[in-house]
Amino acid sequence: MGKKDITLNAFLGDVHIFADLLNGCCFQGKTIILPEELLPLDSAQYTSTNQGKPGKKYRDLKKLWYQEEPVAIFAVENQECRDYRMPVRCMRYDADEYERQIKAFEAEQKSVSIIFRPGKAISLLPVLTIVLYYGQEEWTVPRRLSEMIAFRSKTARFREQIPDYPLRLISVRKDMDIELFHTELREVMGILQRVDDKRAMQIFFENNRAAFSRLTEQAFEVIVNCTNSPKLRKYMLENKEGECVDMCRAFEEWMEDCRAEGIKEGENRFARLIQLLERDDRYSDISKAADNPVIRNRLYRKYGL
């Protein structure tokens, strides 16, 4: 598991954030699931390997929704990269969870000396897996099992009879409405939506200063890792007060540092261009490049700078 997934799992594992994610993604932002109703579950699931031997698979996040009695099991799988196997992966994860419930039911029947019969009624908790995709590219791989199956001329006749398995896929950049969230999940996901556009990030910070001024360290860690900005951590430590970080101030200092680096890189690039023009005895082009950005960029391309 990569560093991004680890920090994102730690952040989403907080019951307040997890409940907010579920309410936003499944219930249009209505407060249906309360944080105190979410109980932790072991992320390890027992399954069979390709050789038929017992094995383990680990889910990113899994919690039990409990309202006086167990209601449902929710799981989240974080994905930065597209995975064409995802429908089968999630189908197997969910099937393993249902199998676990069946075995627990059978064990309970045996413990109270009740003979379990195959036809006996059994009540399983529903399992919902959300795939949270935060990658840059559009999710162009299968979203459901039927998109992975080759229906040829002979099998097309009974295609509708083949059970399907759709993904509950949420693309952070394309599908997610962050205004449905009521915790700092809104700010974190808002940054992930703008991770490739520093200007858009800056505007988002400016418009949400109050929220970013009291961001928790866990939320900040997600932003640092998912934006690939290790220098942000330096400014985080300088602007940390207790368990909160003044993200606005940290970001402003980071942006100023980026601007300074950009100026330095530009100076070095132009100095190299001057050297190459002098080598080729093109002295008149030096002043032209200094005064005209169009000519300067044309020369940069010509010399591969």
Protein backbone atom coordinates (compact mmCIF):
# COMPACT_ATOMS: atom_id res chain seq x y z
CA MET A 1 0.00 0.00 0.00
CA GLY A 2 1.42 3.37 -1.02
CA LYS A 3 1.94 6.37 1.22
CA LYS A 4 -1.02 8.20 -0.32
CA ASP A 5 -3.39 5.33 0.42
CA ILE A 6 -2.04 4.95 3.96
CA THR A 7 -2.61 8.61 4.87
CA LEU A 8 -5.99 8.64 3.11
CA ASN A 9 -7.07 5.51 4.99
CA ALA A 10 -6.04 7.05 8.31
CA PHE A 11 -8.01 10.20 7.49
CA LEU A 12 -11.14 8.44 6.25
CA GLY A 13 -10.96 5.98 9.14
CA ASP A 14 -12.13 8.69 11.54
CA VAL A 15 -15.81 7.93 12.19
CA HIS A 16 -16.86 11.56 11.64
CA ILE A 17 -15.15 11.66 8.25
CA PHE A 18 -16.37 8.17 7.30
CA ALA A 19 -19.97 9.05 8.19
CA ASP A 20 -19.70 12.30 6.24
CA LEU A 21 -18.38 10.43 3.20
CA LEU A 22 -21.24 7.91 3.29
CA ASN A 23 -23.91 10.56 3.85
CA GLY A 24 -22.52 12.68 1.03
CA CYS A 25 -22.06 9.86 -1.47
CA CYS A 26 -25.11 7.74 -0.65
CA PHE A 27 -27.71 10.06 0.89
CA GLN A 28 -27.24 13.41 -0.91
CA GLY A 29 -25.63 14.97 2.16
CA LYS A 30 -28.48 14.17 4.57
CA THR A 31 -27.42 13.10 8.06
CA ILE A 32 -28.58 9.48 7.94
CA ILE A 33 -25.54 7.76 9.45
CA LEU A 34 -24.16 9.15 12.71
CA PRO A 35 -20.47 8.81 13.67
CA GLU A 36 -21.32 7.06 16.93
CA GLU A 37 -23.22 4.39 14.97
CA LEU A 38 -20.09 3.25 13.12
CA LEU A 39 -18.09 0.45 14.71
CA PRO A 40 -14.67 -0.76 13.53
CA LEU A 41 -14.31 -4.10 11.78
CA ASP A 42 -11.20 -6.12 11.07
CA SER A 43 -10.04 -5.21 7.57
CA ALA A 44 -8.61 -8.72 7.06
CA GLN A 45 -10.89 -11.02 5.10
CA TYR A 46 -10.27 -14.73 4.80
CA THR A 47 -10.49 -16.05 1.27
CA SER A 48 -8.96 -18.67 -1.02
CA THR A 49 -5.84 -18.20 -3.10
CA ASN A 50 -5.63 -19.07 -6.79
CA GLN A 51 -4.33 -22.48 -5.69
CA GLY A 52 -7.40 -23.03 -3.50
CA LYS A 53 -5.49 -22.56 -0.25
CA PRO A 54 -6.71 -20.38 2.64
CA GLY A 55 -5.47 -16.81 2.43
CA LYS A 56 -6.12 -13.25 3.55
CA LYS A 57 -7.04 -10.07 1.76
CA TYR A 58 -7.06 -6.67 3.41
CA ARG A 59 -9.69 -4.08 2.69
CA ASP A 60 -8.77 -0.40 2.92
CA LEU A 61 -11.60 0.48 5.31
CA LYS A 62 -14.53 -1.47 6.71
CA LYS A 63 -17.08 -0.47 9.36
CA LEU A 64 -20.32 -1.78 10.81
CA TRP A 65 -23.38 0.47 10.90
CA TYR A 66 -25.11 -0.24 14.22
CA GLN A 67 -28.47 1.26 15.26
CA GLU A 68 -29.53 -0.73 18.34
CA GLU A 69 -28.75 -3.73 16.13
CA PRO A 70 -26.42 -4.34 13.17
CA VAL A 71 -27.76 -2.65 10.03
CA ALA A 72 -25.13 -2.87 7.28
CA ILE A 73 -21.43 -3.17 6.50
CA PHE A 74 -19.71 -0.38 4.59
CA ALA A 75 -16.30 -0.65 2.95
CA VAL A 76 -14.16 1.85 1.06
CA GLU A 77 -11.45 1.00 -1.46
CA ASN A 78 -9.14 3.92 -2.33
CA GLN A 79 -7.76 3.92 -5.87
CA GLU A 80 -5.21 6.27 -7.38
CA CYS A 81 -4.69 4.09 -10.46
CA ARG A 82 -7.30 2.60 -12.75
CA ASP A 83 -7.74 -1.15 -12.30
CA TYR A 84 -9.63 -3.12 -14.94
CA ARG A 85 -10.14 -5.93 -12.38
CA MET A 86 -12.10 -3.73 -9.98
CA PRO A 87 -15.59 -5.19 -10.59
CA VAL A 88 -14.29 -8.71 -9.91
CA ARG A 89 -12.20 -7.54 -6.96
CA CYS A 90 -15.15 -5.86 -5.27
CA MET A 91 -17.48 -8.74 -6.09
CA ARG A 92 -15.05 -11.11 -4.40
CA TYR A 93 -14.53 -8.81 -1.42
CA ASP A 94 -18.28 -8.62 -0.87
CA ALA A 95 -18.79 -12.36 -1.44
CA ASP A 96 -16.07 -13.13 1.12
CA GLU A 97 -17.85 -10.85 3.60
CA TYR A 98 -21.17 -12.63 3.04
CA GLU A 99 -19.38 -15.97 3.43
CA ARG A 100 -17.92 -14.74 6.73
CA GLN A 101 -21.41 -13.90 7.95
CA ILE A 102 -22.70 -17.33 6.95
CA LYS A 103 -19.89 -19.08 8.83
CA ALA A 104 -20.53 -16.91 11.89
CA PHE A 105 -24.23 -17.81 11.71
CA GLU A 106 -23.46 -21.53 11.45
CA ALA A 107 -21.02 -21.34 14.37
CA GLU A 108 -23.66 -19.60 16.48
CA GLN A 109 -26.21 -22.30 15.69
CA LYS A 110 -23.78 -25.01 16.73
CA SER A 111 -22.87 -23.22 19.94
CA VAL A 112 -26.49 -23.32 21.10
CA SER A 113 -26.93 -26.94 19.94
CA ILE A 114 -29.30 -26.05 17.12
CA ILE A 115 -29.04 -28.23 14.06
CA PHE A 116 -28.42 -26.06 11.01
CA ARG A 117 -30.25 -27.18 7.90
CA PRO A 118 -29.37 -25.89 4.43
CA GLY A 119 -32.96 -24.69 3.93
CA LYS A 120 -33.05 -22.76 7.21
CA ALA A 121 -33.67 -19.01 6.87
CA ILE A 122 -30.61 -16.82 7.30
CA SER A 123 -30.47 -13.06 7.47
CA LEU A 124 -27.30 -11.43 6.12
CA LEU A 125 -26.29 -7.82 6.58
CA PRO A 126 -26.06 -5.90 3.31
CA VAL A 127 -22.53 -5.04 2.21
CA LEU A 128 -21.76 -1.87 0.25
CA THR A 129 -18.30 -1.18 -1.16
CA ILE A 130 -17.47 2.33 -2.37
CA VAL A 131 -14.52 2.70 -4.73
CA LEU A 132 -13.05 6.16 -4.14
CA TYR A 133 -11.00 7.01 -7.22
CA TYR A 134 -8.75 10.06 -6.88
CA GLY A 135 -6.47 9.51 -9.88
CA GLN A 136 -5.76 12.05 -12.60
CA GLU A 137 -6.94 10.08 -15.64
CA GLU A 138 -10.59 9.45 -16.37
CA TRP A 139 -11.82 6.02 -15.25
CA THR A 140 -12.05 4.32 -18.66
CA VAL A 141 -11.75 0.72 -17.45
CA PRO A 142 -14.81 -1.45 -16.62
CA ARG A 143 -17.35 -0.15 -14.10
CA ARG A 144 -19.34 -3.38 -14.02
CA LEU A 145 -18.78 -7.08 -14.52
CA SER A 146 -20.69 -7.21 -17.83
CA GLU A 147 -18.13 -4.85 -19.38
CA MET A 148 -15.45 -7.47 -18.77
CA ILE A 149 -17.32 -10.41 -20.28
CA ALA A 150 -16.97 -11.34 -23.94
CA PHE A 151 -20.51 -11.88 -25.19
CA ARG A 152 -20.11 -13.54 -28.57
CA SER A 153 -22.83 -14.38 -31.05
CA LYS A 154 -23.86 -17.61 -29.34
CA THR A 155 -23.82 -16.24 -25.79
CA ALA A 156 -25.46 -12.93 -26.72
CA ARG A 157 -28.81 -14.72 -26.75
CA PHE A 158 -28.78 -15.19 -23.00
CA ARG A 159 -26.76 -12.11 -22.06
CA GLU A 160 -29.61 -10.72 -19.97
CA GLN A 161 -29.61 -13.92 -17.91
CA ILE A 162 -26.01 -13.42 -16.74
CA PRO A 163 -25.88 -11.74 -13.30
CA ASP A 164 -24.11 -8.39 -13.38
CA TYR A 165 -22.09 -6.64 -10.68
CA PRO A 166 -21.78 -2.84 -10.94
CA LEU A 167 -19.21 -0.78 -9.06
CA ARG A 168 -20.24 1.98 -6.69
CA LEU A 169 -17.48 4.18 -8.11
CA ILE A 170 -16.97 7.76 -6.95
CA SER A 171 -14.47 9.76 -9.01
CA VAL A 172 -13.19 12.59 -6.81
CA ARG A 173 -12.39 14.80 -9.80
CA LYS A 174 -15.45 14.06 -11.91
CA ASP A 175 -18.40 12.78 -9.85
CA MET A 176 -17.96 14.20 -6.36
CA ASP A 177 -20.00 17.16 -5.11
CA ILE A 178 -17.97 18.43 -2.14
CA GLU A 179 -20.81 20.74 -1.06
CA LEU A 180 -22.58 17.64 0.28
CA PHE A 181 -19.90 17.23 2.97
CA HIS A 182 -20.01 18.92 6.37
CA THR A 183 -16.58 18.13 7.82
CA GLU A 184 -13.03 18.90 6.68
CA LEU A 185 -13.56 16.13 4.13
CA ARG A 186 -14.96 18.96 1.97
CA GLU A 187 -11.68 20.88 2.05
CA VAL A 188 -9.49 17.81 1.48
CA MET A 189 -11.53 16.56 -1.47
CA GLY A 190 -11.69 20.11 -2.84
CA ILE A 191 -7.90 20.18 -2.95
CA LEU A 192 -7.71 16.75 -4.61
CA GLN A 193 -10.08 18.04 -7.30
CA ARG A 194 -7.66 20.91 -8.02
CA VAL A 195 -4.35 19.16 -7.46
CA ASP A 196 -3.06 19.93 -10.97
CA ASP A 197 -3.95 23.62 -10.90
CA LYS A 198 -2.12 25.69 -8.27
CA ARG A 199 -4.07 28.81 -9.22
CA ALA A 200 -7.39 27.01 -8.67
CA MET A 201 -6.06 25.67 -5.37
CA GLN A 202 -5.12 29.16 -4.25
CA ILE A 203 -8.59 30.51 -5.06
CA PHE A 204 -10.16 27.59 -3.19
CA PHE A 205 -7.97 28.38 -0.16
CA GLU A 206 -8.88 32.06 -0.28
CA ASN A 207 -12.61 31.30 -0.46
CA ASN A 208 -12.41 28.89 2.49
CA ARG A 209 -9.88 30.56 4.77
CA ALA A 210 -11.77 29.91 8.00
CA ALA A 211 -11.96 26.15 7.38
CA PHE A 212 -8.34 25.85 6.24
CA SER A 213 -7.08 27.81 9.25
CA ARG A 214 -8.19 24.98 11.56
CA LEU A 215 -7.38 21.92 9.47
CA THR A 216 -6.33 18.84 11.46
CA GLU A 217 -2.90 17.33 10.98
CA GLN A 218 -4.38 14.15 9.47
CA ALA A 219 -6.19 16.17 6.81
CA PHE A 220 -3.03 18.13 6.08
CA GLU A 221 -1.03 14.91 5.67
CA VAL A 222 -3.46 13.76 2.97
CA ILE A 223 -3.02 17.06 1.12
CA VAL A 224 0.78 16.94 1.42
CA ASN A 225 1.02 13.38 0.09
CA CYS A 226 -1.66 13.59 -2.60
CA THR A 227 -0.30 16.85 -4.02
CA ASN A 228 3.27 15.49 -4.01
CA SER A 229 4.37 18.61 -2.12
CA PRO A 230 6.84 17.58 0.61
CA LYS A 231 7.82 21.22 1.14
CA LEU A 232 4.30 21.84 2.43
CA ARG A 233 5.19 19.73 5.47
CA LYS A 234 7.92 22.21 6.37
CA TYR A 235 5.40 25.04 6.40
CA MET A 236 2.90 22.85 8.22
CA LEU A 237 5.28 22.42 11.14
CA GLU A 238 5.91 26.17 11.22
CA ASN A 239 2.19 26.96 11.31
CA LYS A 240 0.93 24.23 13.62
CA GLU A 241 -1.01 25.12 16.75
CA GLY A 242 -1.93 22.12 18.88
CA GLU A 243 -3.67 19.55 16.68
CA CYS A 244 -4.60 22.08 13.98
CA VAL A 245 -2.67 23.63 11.11
CA ASP A 246 -3.17 27.08 9.61
CA MET A 247 -3.28 25.77 6.06
CA CYS A 248 -3.77 29.21 4.50
CA ARG A 249 -0.56 30.58 5.94
CA ALA A 250 1.34 27.39 5.12
CA PHE A 251 0.06 27.46 1.54
CA GLU A 252 0.93 31.13 1.08
CA GLU A 253 4.50 30.48 2.23
CA TRP A 254 4.71 27.43 -0.02
CA MET A 255 3.42 29.39 -3.04
CA GLU A 256 5.92 32.17 -2.36
CA ASP A 257 8.69 29.57 -2.25
CA CYS A 258 7.43 28.09 -5.56
CA ARG A 259 7.43 31.54 -7.14
CA ALA A 260 10.99 32.17 -5.96
CA GLU A 261 12.07 28.80 -7.35
CA GLY A 262 10.33 29.60 -10.64
CA ILE A 263 12.14 32.93 -10.90
CA LYS A 264 15.46 31.23 -10.19
CA GLU A 265 14.78 28.54 -12.80
CA GLY A 266 13.82 31.23 -15.32
CA GLU A 267 17.02 33.14 -14.66
CA ASN A 268 19.13 30.00 -15.11
CA ARG A 269 17.27 29.11 -18.30
CA PHE A 270 17.81 32.56 -19.82
CA ALA A 271 21.48 32.56 -18.80
CA ARG A 272 21.92 29.25 -20.63
CA LEU A 273 20.19 30.71 -23.71
CA ILE A 274 22.59 33.67 -23.70
CA GLN A 275 25.55 31.28 -23.60
CA LEU A 276 24.23 29.36 -26.60
CA LEU A 277 23.50 32.53 -28.59
CA GLU A 278 27.00 33.86 -27.87
CA ARG A 279 28.46 30.55 -29.00
CA ASP A 280 26.63 30.91 -32.32
CA ASP A 281 27.54 34.61 -32.67
CA ARG A 282 23.87 35.62 -32.53
CA TYR A 283 24.42 38.66 -30.34
CA SER A 284 21.53 40.66 -31.80
CA ASP A 285 19.11 37.91 -30.73
CA ILE A 286 20.14 38.34 -27.09
CA SER A 287 18.50 41.76 -26.78
CA LYS A 288 15.50 40.58 -28.82
CA ALA A 289 15.01 37.61 -26.48
CA ALA A 290 15.27 39.88 -23.44
CA ASP A 291 12.60 42.28 -24.74
CA ASN A 292 10.20 39.95 -26.55
CA PRO A 293 8.75 36.85 -24.80
CA VAL A 294 7.52 35.41 -28.13
CA ILE A 295 11.04 35.47 -29.59
CA ARG A 296 12.45 34.22 -26.29
CA ASN A 297 10.14 31.19 -26.23
CA ARG A 298 10.88 30.48 -29.88
CA LEU A 299 14.60 30.41 -29.10
CA TYR A 300 13.99 28.23 -26.03
CA ARG A 301 12.29 25.67 -28.29
CA LYS A 302 15.01 25.93 -30.93
CA TYR A 303 17.75 25.19 -28.39
CA GLY A 304 15.69 22.64 -26.47
CA LEU A 305 15.60 24.65 -23.24
